[in-house]
PDB file of N, CA and C in Angstrom:
ATOM      1  N   UNK A   1      -8.442   6.893 -12.506  1.00  0.00           N
ATOM      2  CA  UNK A   1      -7.395   6.847 -11.485  1.00  0.00           C
ATOM      3  C   UNK A   1      -8.029   6.526 -10.128  1.00  0.00           C
ATOM      4  N   UNK A   2      -7.217   6.091  -9.195  1.00  0.00           N
ATOM      5  CA  UNK A   2      -7.745   5.731  -7.886  1.00  0.00           C
ATOM      6  C   UNK A   2      -7.864   6.968  -6.997  1.00  0.00           C
ATOM      7  N   UNK A   3      -8.879   6.958  -6.145  1.00  0.00           N
ATOM      8  CA  UNK A   3      -9.018   8.063  -5.204  1.00  0.00           C
ATOM      9  C   UNK A   3      -8.405   7.678  -3.860  1.00  0.00           C
ATOM     10  N   UNK A   4      -8.381   8.626  -2.942  1.00  0.00           N
ATOM     11  CA  UNK A   4      -7.688   8.391  -1.678  1.00  0.00           C
ATOM     12  C   UNK A   4      -8.420   7.377  -0.810  1.00  0.00           C
ATOM     13  N   UNK A   5      -9.749   7.267  -0.986  1.00  0.00           N
ATOM     14  CA  UNK A   5     -10.479   6.262  -0.215  1.00  0.00           C
ATOM     15  C   UNK A   5      -9.977   4.872  -0.567  1.00  0.00           C
ATOM     16  N   UNK A   6      -9.773   4.611  -1.860  1.00  0.00           N
ATOM     17  CA  UNK A   6      -9.271   3.304  -2.283  1.00  0.00           C
ATOM     18  C   UNK A   6      -7.854   3.086  -1.766  1.00  0.00           C
ATOM     19  N   UNK A   7      -7.021   4.122  -1.837  1.00  0.00           N
ATOM     20  CA  UNK A   7      -5.641   4.005  -1.352  1.00  0.00           C
ATOM     21  C   UNK A   7      -5.635   3.692   0.135  1.00  0.00           C
ATOM     22  N   UNK A   8      -6.472   4.387   0.884  1.00  0.00           N
ATOM     23  CA  UNK A   8      -6.515   4.182   2.324  1.00  0.00           C
ATOM     24  C   UNK A   8      -7.021   2.782   2.642  1.00  0.00           C
ATOM     25  N   UNK A   9      -8.044   2.340   1.926  1.00  0.00           N
ATOM     26  CA  UNK A   9      -8.586   0.995   2.128  1.00  0.00           C
ATOM     27  C   UNK A   9      -7.525  -0.056   1.832  1.00  0.00           C
ATOM     28  N   UNK A  10      -6.805   0.120   0.722  1.00  0.00           N
ATOM     29  CA  UNK A  10      -5.769  -0.844   0.342  1.00  0.00           C
ATOM     30  C   UNK A  10      -4.650  -0.860   1.385  1.00  0.00           C
ATOM     31  N   UNK A  11      -4.286   0.306   1.871  1.00  0.00           N
ATOM     32  CA  UNK A  11      -3.225   0.382   2.879  1.00  0.00           C
ATOM     33  C   UNK A  11      -3.630  -0.359   4.151  1.00  0.00           C
ATOM     34  N   UNK A  12      -4.876  -0.188   4.563  1.00  0.00           N
ATOM     35  CA  UNK A  12      -5.355  -0.883   5.763  1.00  0.00           C
ATOM     36  C   UNK A  12      -5.314  -2.389   5.543  1.00  0.00           C
ATOM     37  N   UNK A  13      -5.752  -2.838   4.356  1.00  0.00           N
ATOM     38  CA  UNK A  13      -5.721  -4.259   4.048  1.00  0.00           C
ATOM     39  C   UNK A  13      -4.288  -4.777   4.101  1.00  0.00           C
ATOM     40  N   UNK A  14      -3.347  -4.009   3.576  1.00  0.00           N
ATOM     41  CA  UNK A  14      -1.946  -4.437   3.560  1.00  0.00           C
ATOM     42  C   UNK A  14      -1.416  -4.572   4.979  1.00  0.00           C
ATOM     43  N   UNK A  15      -1.724  -3.617   5.833  1.00  0.00           N
ATOM     44  CA  UNK A  15      -1.238  -3.663   7.213  1.00  0.00           C
ATOM     45  C   UNK A  15      -1.846  -4.857   7.936  1.00  0.00           C
ATOM     46  N   UNK A  16      -3.135  -5.140   7.664  1.00  0.00           N
ATOM     47  CA  UNK A  16      -3.792  -6.277   8.313  1.00  0.00           C
ATOM     48  C   UNK A  16      -3.155  -7.582   7.849  1.00  0.00           C
ATOM     49  N   UNK A  17      -2.894  -7.691   6.534  1.00  0.00           N
ATOM     50  CA  UNK A  17      -2.392  -8.952   6.000  1.00  0.00           C
ATOM     51  C   UNK A  17      -0.947  -9.213   6.405  1.00  0.00           C
ATOM     52  N   UNK A  18      -0.124  -8.174   6.403  1.00  0.00           N
ATOM     53  CA  UNK A  18       1.296  -8.398   6.642  1.00  0.00           C
ATOM     54  C   UNK A  18       1.944  -7.133   7.175  1.00  0.00           C
ATOM     55  N   UNK A  19       2.895  -7.305   8.104  1.00  0.00           N
ATOM     56  CA  UNK A  19       3.629  -6.152   8.614  1.00  0.00           C
ATOM     57  C   UNK A  19       4.610  -5.634   7.569  1.00  0.00           C
ATOM     58  N   UNK A  20       5.071  -6.516   6.670  1.00  0.00           N
ATOM     59  CA  UNK A  20       5.937  -6.071   5.573  1.00  0.00           C
ATOM     60  C   UNK A  20       5.043  -5.610   4.429  1.00  0.00           C
ATOM     61  N   UNK A  21       4.253  -4.559   4.698  1.00  0.00           N
ATOM     62  CA  UNK A  21       3.242  -4.112   3.751  1.00  0.00           C
ATOM     63  C   UNK A  21       3.867  -3.616   2.448  1.00  0.00           C
ATOM     64  N   UNK A  22       5.059  -3.024   2.543  1.00  0.00           N
ATOM     65  CA  UNK A  22       5.696  -2.504   1.337  1.00  0.00           C
ATOM     66  C   UNK A  22       6.021  -3.639   0.367  1.00  0.00           C
ATOM     67  N   UNK A  23       6.552  -4.761   0.891  1.00  0.00           N
ATOM     68  CA  UNK A  23       6.895  -5.889   0.035  1.00  0.00           C
ATOM     69  C   UNK A  23       5.644  -6.501  -0.572  1.00  0.00           C
ATOM     70  N   UNK A  24       4.589  -6.655   0.245  1.00  0.00           N
ATOM     71  CA  UNK A  24       3.348  -7.222  -0.268  1.00  0.00           C
ATOM     72  C   UNK A  24       2.766  -6.325  -1.361  1.00  0.00           C
ATOM     73  N   UNK A  25       2.825  -5.016  -1.147  1.00  0.00           N
ATOM     74  CA  UNK A  25       2.313  -4.074  -2.134  1.00  0.00           C
ATOM     75  C   UNK A  25       3.117  -4.170  -3.426  1.00  0.00           C
ATOM     76  N   UNK A  26       4.453  -4.269  -3.306  1.00  0.00           N
ATOM     77  CA  UNK A  26       5.309  -4.382  -4.483  1.00  0.00           C
ATOM     78  C   UNK A  26       4.939  -5.618  -5.291  1.00  0.00           C
ATOM     79  N   UNK A  27       4.705  -6.738  -4.608  1.00  0.00           N
ATOM     80  CA  UNK A  27       4.327  -7.969  -5.308  1.00  0.00           C
ATOM     81  C   UNK A  27       2.983  -7.795  -5.989  1.00  0.00           C
ATOM     82  N   UNK A  28       2.030  -7.180  -5.305  1.00  0.00           N
ATOM     83  CA  UNK A  28       0.692  -6.984  -5.867  1.00  0.00           C
ATOM     84  C   UNK A  28       0.758  -6.130  -7.131  1.00  0.00           C
ATOM     85  N   UNK A  29       1.517  -5.029  -7.051  1.00  0.00           N
ATOM     86  CA  UNK A  29       1.618  -4.132  -8.202  1.00  0.00           C
ATOM     87  C   UNK A  29       2.354  -4.816  -9.352  1.00  0.00           C
ATOM     88  N   UNK A  30       3.399  -5.589  -9.027  1.00  0.00           N
ATOM     89  CA  UNK A  30       4.171  -6.266 -10.067  1.00  0.00           C
ATOM     90  C   UNK A  30       3.311  -7.286 -10.803  1.00  0.00           C
ATOM     91  N   UNK A  31       2.524  -8.063 -10.036  1.00  0.00           N
ATOM     92  CA  UNK A  31       1.693  -9.086 -10.660  1.00  0.00           C
ATOM     93  C   UNK A  31       0.612  -8.459 -11.529  1.00  0.00           C
ATOM     94  N   UNK A  32       0.151  -7.269 -11.178  1.00  0.00           N
ATOM     95  CA  UNK A  32      -0.871  -6.616 -11.991  1.00  0.00           C
ATOM     96  C   UNK A  32      -0.265  -6.042 -13.270  1.00  0.00           C
ATOM     97  N   UNK A  33       1.075  -6.032 -13.383  1.00  0.00           N
ATOM     98  CA  UNK A  33       1.738  -5.606 -14.608  1.00  0.00           C
ATOM     99  C   UNK A  33       1.672  -4.115 -14.860  1.00  0.00           C
ATOM    100  N   UNK A  34       1.486  -3.324 -13.800  1.00  0.00           N
ATOM    101  CA  UNK A  34       1.342  -1.878 -13.986  1.00  0.00           C
ATOM    102  C   UNK A  34       2.390  -1.119 -13.183  1.00  0.00           C
ATOM    103  N   UNK A  35       3.525  -1.779 -12.875  1.00  0.00           N
ATOM    104  CA  UNK A  35       4.527  -1.174 -11.999  1.00  0.00           C
ATOM    105  C   UNK A  35       5.023   0.157 -12.557  1.00  0.00           C
ATOM    106  N   UNK A  36       5.173   0.261 -13.880  1.00  0.00           N
ATOM    107  CA  UNK A  36       5.721   1.486 -14.475  1.00  0.00           C
ATOM    108  C   UNK A  36       4.762   2.656 -14.310  1.00  0.00           C
ATOM    109  N   UNK A  37       3.452   2.351 -14.214  1.00  0.00           N
ATOM    110  CA  UNK A  37       2.445   3.398 -14.088  1.00  0.00           C
ATOM    111  C   UNK A  37       2.107   3.677 -12.624  1.00  0.00           C
ATOM    112  N   UNK A  38       2.406   2.700 -11.753  1.00  0.00           N
ATOM    113  CA  UNK A  38       1.912   2.758 -10.381  1.00  0.00           C
ATOM    114  C   UNK A  38       2.970   3.180  -9.373  1.00  0.00           C
ATOM    115  N   UNK A  39       4.190   3.499  -9.834  1.00  0.00           N
ATOM    116  CA  UNK A  39       5.268   3.808  -8.890  1.00  0.00           C
ATOM    117  C   UNK A  39       4.910   4.960  -7.934  1.00  0.00           C
ATOM    118  N   UNK A  40       4.379   6.092  -8.419  1.00  0.00           N
ATOM    119  CA  UNK A  40       4.026   7.163  -7.473  1.00  0.00           C
ATOM    120  C   UNK A  40       2.949   6.717  -6.493  1.00  0.00           C
ATOM    121  N   UNK A  41       1.941   5.990  -6.990  1.00  0.00           N
ATOM    122  CA  UNK A  41       0.872   5.500  -6.124  1.00  0.00           C
ATOM    123  C   UNK A  41       1.431   4.482  -5.142  1.00  0.00           C
ATOM    124  N   UNK A  42       2.390   3.667  -5.606  1.00  0.00           N
ATOM    125  CA  UNK A  42       3.011   2.678  -4.724  1.00  0.00           C
ATOM    126  C   UNK A  42       3.686   3.364  -3.538  1.00  0.00           C
ATOM    127  N   UNK A  43       4.436   4.420  -3.814  1.00  0.00           N
ATOM    128  CA  UNK A  43       5.110   5.156  -2.739  1.00  0.00           C
ATOM    129  C   UNK A  43       4.080   5.748  -1.780  1.00  0.00           C
ATOM    130  N   UNK A  44       3.002   6.310  -2.355  1.00  0.00           N
ATOM    131  CA  UNK A  44       1.971   6.928  -1.529  1.00  0.00           C
ATOM    132  C   UNK A  44       1.301   5.888  -0.632  1.00  0.00           C
ATOM    133  N   UNK A  45       0.936   4.739  -1.213  1.00  0.00           N
ATOM    134  CA  UNK A  45       0.278   3.684  -0.436  1.00  0.00           C
ATOM    135  C   UNK A  45       1.219   3.163   0.643  1.00  0.00           C
ATOM    136  N   UNK A  46       2.506   3.043   0.309  1.00  0.00           N
ATOM    137  CA  UNK A  46       3.472   2.555   1.292  1.00  0.00           C
ATOM    138  C   UNK A  46       3.551   3.504   2.485  1.00  0.00           C
ATOM    139  N   UNK A  47       3.561   4.810   2.211  1.00  0.00           N
ATOM    140  CA  UNK A  47       3.609   5.784   3.304  1.00  0.00           C
ATOM    141  C   UNK A  47       2.346   5.701   4.150  1.00  0.00           C
ATOM    142  N   UNK A  48       1.188   5.584   3.483  1.00  0.00           N
ATOM    143  CA  UNK A  48      -0.074   5.470   4.219  1.00  0.00           C
ATOM    144  C   UNK A  48      -0.082   4.201   5.051  1.00  0.00           C
ATOM    145  N   UNK A  49       0.419   3.106   4.471  1.00  0.00           N
ATOM    146  CA  UNK A  49       0.440   1.824   5.186  1.00  0.00           C
ATOM    147  C   UNK A  49       1.345   1.918   6.412  1.00  0.00           C
ATOM    148  N   UNK A  50       2.497   2.566   6.273  1.00  0.00           N
ATOM    149  CA  UNK A  50       3.402   2.719   7.408  1.00  0.00           C
ATOM    150  C   UNK A  50       2.764   3.592   8.482  1.00  0.00           C
ATOM    151  N   UNK A  51       2.006   4.606   8.061  1.00  0.00           N
ATOM    152  CA  UNK A  51       1.315   5.474   9.014  1.00  0.00           C
ATOM    153  C   UNK A  51       0.294   4.668   9.812  1.00  0.00           C
ATOM    154  N   UNK A  52      -0.491   3.849   9.120  1.00  0.00           N
ATOM    155  CA  UNK A  52      -1.462   3.001   9.809  1.00  0.00           C
ATOM    156  C   UNK A  52      -0.742   1.997  10.706  1.00  0.00           C
ATOM    157  N   UNK A  53       0.391   1.494  10.255  1.00  0.00           N
ATOM    158  CA  UNK A  53       1.148   0.543  11.057  1.00  0.00           C
ATOM    159  C   UNK A  53       1.628   1.168  12.359  1.00  0.00           C
ATOM    160  N   UNK A  54       2.095   2.419  12.287  1.00  0.00           N
ATOM    161  CA  UNK A  54       2.547   3.099  13.499  1.00  0.00           C
ATOM    162  C   UNK A  54       1.375   3.333  14.441  1.00  0.00           C
ATOM    163  N   UNK A  55       0.194   3.627  13.878  1.00  0.00           N
ATOM    164  CA  UNK A  55      -0.984   3.812  14.722  1.00  0.00           C
ATOM    165  C   UNK A  55      -1.330   2.512  15.434  1.00  0.00           C
ATOM    166  N   UNK A  56      -1.169   1.385  14.748  1.00  0.00           N
ATOM    167  CA  UNK A  56      -1.488   0.097  15.355  1.00  0.00           C
ATOM    168  C   UNK A  56      -0.551  -0.212  16.515  1.00  0.00           C
ATOM    169  N   UNK A  57       0.713   0.210  16.415  1.00  0.00           N
ATOM    170  CA  UNK A  57       1.682  -0.099  17.464  1.00  0.00           C
ATOM    171  C   UNK A  57       1.456   0.756  18.708  1.00  0.00           C
ATOM    172  N   UNK A  58       0.846   1.933  18.539  1.00  0.00           N
ATOM    173  CA  UNK A  58       0.656   2.831  19.688  1.00  0.00           C
ATOM    174  C   UNK A  58      -0.529   2.382  20.540  1.00  0.00           C
TER     175      UNK A  58
END
């Protein structure tokens, strides 16, 4: 399973690549074919990405 360091790193990458980080993450997870297994992690990464996004705006 992934640890929080990987989740945090991925969230930062998502925020850097696109402000619509949730949509980009959804596409990434869908293409990897693991959406059914990754839904809780997807929500967690999305929250982390939004947190980093708010930090960037401040």
